[in-house]
Amino acid sequence: MTWVFLAAAIACEVGATMSLRASEGLRDKRWAPLIVLGYLACFSFLTLALRAGLAIGVAYGIWAASGVALTAVIAHLAFRDPLTRTMGAGIALIAVGVLLVELGAH
């Protein structure tokens, strides 16, 4: 269940961030409830993952890194934000870093 909570935290954080982008910096206030609820849900699920026994270094590392990578990819697909080769290399390095953090925790 720990990993389900962490995955939910990541999904909520990315969803809230994409909603923030869609709101054009909160110029469109209709997105505000989704943004607030998304971030609240994100931290609630992250708390549940920690309570279930996931180490903070692992949880935060995976949560933050996955959020960055997924946000970049989804923003490219949804909003045509740039996604260069350099950014792709950064995402690959993030994936390797998350893997090393996870392996180092055992």
C-alpha atoms as a PDB file:
ATOM      1  CA  MET A   1       0.000   0.000   0.000  1.00  0.00           C
ATOM      2  CA  THR A   2       2.990   2.278   0.598  1.00  0.00           C
ATOM      3  CA  TRP A   3       3.769   2.538  -3.102  1.00  0.00           C
ATOM      4  CA  VAL A   4       0.110   3.112  -3.979  1.00  0.00           C
ATOM      5  CA  PHE A   5       0.063   6.100  -1.609  1.00  0.00           C
ATOM      6  CA  LEU A   6       3.267   7.449  -3.137  1.00  0.00           C
ATOM      7  CA  ALA A   7       1.933   6.991  -6.684  1.00  0.00           C
ATOM      8  CA  ALA A   8      -1.268   8.810  -5.687  1.00  0.00           C
ATOM      9  CA  ALA A   9       0.794  11.651  -4.188  1.00  0.00           C
ATOM     10  CA  ILE A  10       2.760  11.975  -7.415  1.00  0.00           C
ATOM     11  CA  ALA A  11      -0.388  11.884  -9.567  1.00  0.00           C
ATOM     12  CA  CYS A  12      -2.112  14.541  -7.440  1.00  0.00           C
ATOM     13  CA  GLU A  13       0.935  16.799  -7.454  1.00  0.00           C
ATOM     14  CA  VAL A  14       1.353  16.561 -11.213  1.00  0.00           C
ATOM     15  CA  GLY A  15      -2.383  17.077 -11.736  1.00  0.00           C
ATOM     16  CA  ALA A  16      -2.379  20.174  -9.534  1.00  0.00           C
ATOM     17  CA  THR A  17       0.692  21.550 -11.299  1.00  0.00           C
ATOM     18  CA  MET A  18      -0.874  20.979 -14.712  1.00  0.00           C
ATOM     19  CA  SER A  19      -4.014  22.716 -13.464  1.00  0.00           C
ATOM     20  CA  LEU A  20      -1.882  25.645 -12.332  1.00  0.00           C
ATOM     21  CA  ARG A  21      -0.407  25.807 -15.829  1.00  0.00           C
ATOM     22  CA  ALA A  22      -3.852  25.582 -17.427  1.00  0.00           C
ATOM     23  CA  SER A  23      -5.064  28.447 -15.219  1.00  0.00           C
ATOM     24  CA  GLU A  24      -2.348  30.676 -16.706  1.00  0.00           C
ATOM     25  CA  GLY A  25      -0.918  31.564 -13.320  1.00  0.00           C
ATOM     26  CA  LEU A  26      -4.363  31.703 -11.694  1.00  0.00           C
ATOM     27  CA  ARG A  27      -5.688  34.249 -14.181  1.00  0.00           C
ATOM     28  CA  ASP A  28      -8.499  31.769 -14.761  1.00  0.00           C
ATOM     29  CA  LYS A  29      -9.829  31.310 -11.224  1.00  0.00           C
ATOM     30  CA  ARG A  30     -12.025  28.356 -12.215  1.00  0.00           C
ATOM     31  CA  TRP A  31      -8.970  26.119 -11.779  1.00  0.00           C
ATOM     32  CA  ALA A  32      -8.279  27.255  -8.197  1.00  0.00           C
ATOM     33  CA  PRO A  33     -10.331  24.562  -6.399  1.00  0.00           C
ATOM     34  CA  LEU A  34      -8.677  21.788  -8.403  1.00  0.00           C
ATOM     35  CA  ILE A  35      -5.243  23.233  -7.698  1.00  0.00           C
ATOM     36  CA  VAL A  36      -5.836  23.528  -3.949  1.00  0.00           C
ATOM     37  CA  LEU A  37      -7.473  20.101  -3.673  1.00  0.00           C
ATOM     38  CA  GLY A  38      -4.722  18.519  -5.759  1.00  0.00           C
ATOM     39  CA  TYR A  39      -1.937  19.839  -3.571  1.00  0.00           C
ATOM     40  CA  LEU A  40      -3.821  18.972  -0.364  1.00  0.00           C
ATOM     41  CA  ALA A  41      -4.408  15.433  -1.631  1.00  0.00           C
ATOM     42  CA  CYS A  42      -0.773  15.201  -2.692  1.00  0.00           C
ATOM     43  CA  PHE A  43       0.547  15.978   0.782  1.00  0.00           C
ATOM     44  CA  SER A  44      -2.081  13.769   2.389  1.00  0.00           C
ATOM     45  CA  PHE A  45      -1.025  10.785   0.284  1.00  0.00           C
ATOM     46  CA  LEU A  46       2.651  11.547   0.902  1.00  0.00           C
ATOM     47  CA  THR A  47       1.921  11.554   4.639  1.00  0.00           C
ATOM     48  CA  LEU A  48       0.161   8.188   4.329  1.00  0.00           C
ATOM     49  CA  ALA A  49       3.151   6.751   2.460  1.00  0.00           C
ATOM     50  CA  LEU A  50       5.466   7.907   5.249  1.00  0.00           C
ATOM     51  CA  ARG A  51       3.173   6.516   7.946  1.00  0.00           C
ATOM     52  CA  ALA A  52       3.131   3.204   6.073  1.00  0.00           C
ATOM     53  CA  GLY A  53       6.882   2.980   6.546  1.00  0.00           C
ATOM     54  CA  LEU A  54       8.483   4.552   3.477  1.00  0.00           C
ATOM     55  CA  ALA A  55      11.704   6.355   4.393  1.00  0.00           C
ATOM     56  CA  ILE A  56      11.530  10.120   3.916  1.00  0.00           C
ATOM     57  CA  GLY A  57      14.654  10.215   1.727  1.00  0.00           C
ATOM     58  CA  VAL A  58      13.247   7.605  -0.615  1.00  0.00           C
ATOM     59  CA  ALA A  59       9.702   8.999  -0.598  1.00  0.00           C
ATOM     60  CA  TYR A  60      10.716  12.593  -1.177  1.00  0.00           C
ATOM     61  CA  GLY A  61      13.339  11.694  -3.764  1.00  0.00           C
ATOM     62  CA  ILE A  62      10.954   9.622  -5.829  1.00  0.00           C
ATOM     63  CA  TRP A  63       8.060  12.073  -5.365  1.00  0.00           C
ATOM     64  CA  ALA A  64      10.055  15.139  -6.354  1.00  0.00           C
ATOM     65  CA  ALA A  65      11.964  13.547  -9.207  1.00  0.00           C
ATOM     66  CA  SER A  66       8.930  11.831 -10.681  1.00  0.00           C
ATOM     67  CA  GLY A  67       6.949  15.037 -10.420  1.00  0.00           C
ATOM     68  CA  VAL A  68       9.601  16.991 -12.329  1.00  0.00           C
ATOM     69  CA  ALA A  69       9.908  14.376 -15.066  1.00  0.00           C
ATOM     70  CA  LEU A  70       6.176  13.777 -15.507  1.00  0.00           C
ATOM     71  CA  THR A  71       5.392  17.489 -15.433  1.00  0.00           C
ATOM     72  CA  ALA A  72       7.904  18.161 -18.206  1.00  0.00           C
ATOM     73  CA  VAL A  73       6.547  15.370 -20.407  1.00  0.00           C
ATOM     74  CA  ILE A  74       2.864  16.149 -19.814  1.00  0.00           C
ATOM     75  CA  ALA A  75       3.415  19.902 -20.289  1.00  0.00           C
ATOM     76  CA  HIS A  76       5.057  19.129 -23.608  1.00  0.00           C
ATOM     77  CA  LEU A  77       2.123  16.982 -24.710  1.00  0.00           C
ATOM     78  CA  ALA A  78      -0.663  19.184 -23.329  1.00  0.00           C
ATOM     79  CA  PHE A  79       0.709  22.695 -23.750  1.00  0.00           C
ATOM     80  CA  ARG A  80       3.455  22.258 -26.325  1.00  0.00           C
ATOM     81  CA  ASP A  81       6.064  23.365 -23.799  1.00  0.00           C
ATOM     82  CA  PRO A  82       9.603  22.669 -24.993  1.00  0.00           C
ATOM     83  CA  LEU A  83      11.109  19.250 -24.392  1.00  0.00           C
ATOM     84  CA  THR A  84      14.626  19.293 -25.782  1.00  0.00           C
ATOM     85  CA  ARG A  85      17.208  16.542 -25.955  1.00  0.00           C
ATOM     86  CA  THR A  86      19.003  18.163 -23.054  1.00  0.00           C
ATOM     87  CA  MET A  87      15.803  18.047 -21.017  1.00  0.00           C
ATOM     88  CA  GLY A  88      15.340  14.408 -22.036  1.00  0.00           C
ATOM     89  CA  ALA A  89      18.845  13.668 -20.815  1.00  0.00           C
ATOM     90  CA  GLY A  90      17.967  15.384 -17.532  1.00  0.00           C
ATOM     91  CA  ILE A  91      14.862  13.224 -17.186  1.00  0.00           C
ATOM     92  CA  ALA A  92      16.976  10.128 -17.810  1.00  0.00           C
ATOM     93  CA  LEU A  93      19.423  11.263 -15.118  1.00  0.00           C
ATOM     94  CA  ILE A  94      16.502  11.815 -12.754  1.00  0.00           C
ATOM     95  CA  ALA A  95      15.370   8.232 -13.385  1.00  0.00           C
ATOM     96  CA  VAL A  96      18.866   6.926 -12.658  1.00  0.00           C
ATOM     97  CA  GLY A  97      19.059   9.066  -9.511  1.00  0.00           C
ATOM     98  CA  VAL A  98      15.727   7.754  -8.232  1.00  0.00           C
ATOM     99  CA  LEU A  99      16.867   4.204  -8.896  1.00  0.00           C
ATOM    100  CA  LEU A 100      20.102   4.782  -6.985  1.00  0.00           C
ATOM    101  CA  VAL A 101      18.265   6.320  -4.036  1.00  0.00           C
ATOM    102  CA  GLU A 102      15.901   3.338  -3.933  1.00  0.00           C
ATOM    103  CA  LEU A 103      18.724   0.786  -4.232  1.00  0.00           C
ATOM    104  CA  GLY A 104      20.742   2.632  -1.583  1.00  0.00           C
ATOM    105  CA  ALA A 105      17.846   2.381   0.859  1.00  0.00           C
ATOM    106  CA  HIS A 106      18.114  -1.406   0.994  1.00  0.00           C
END
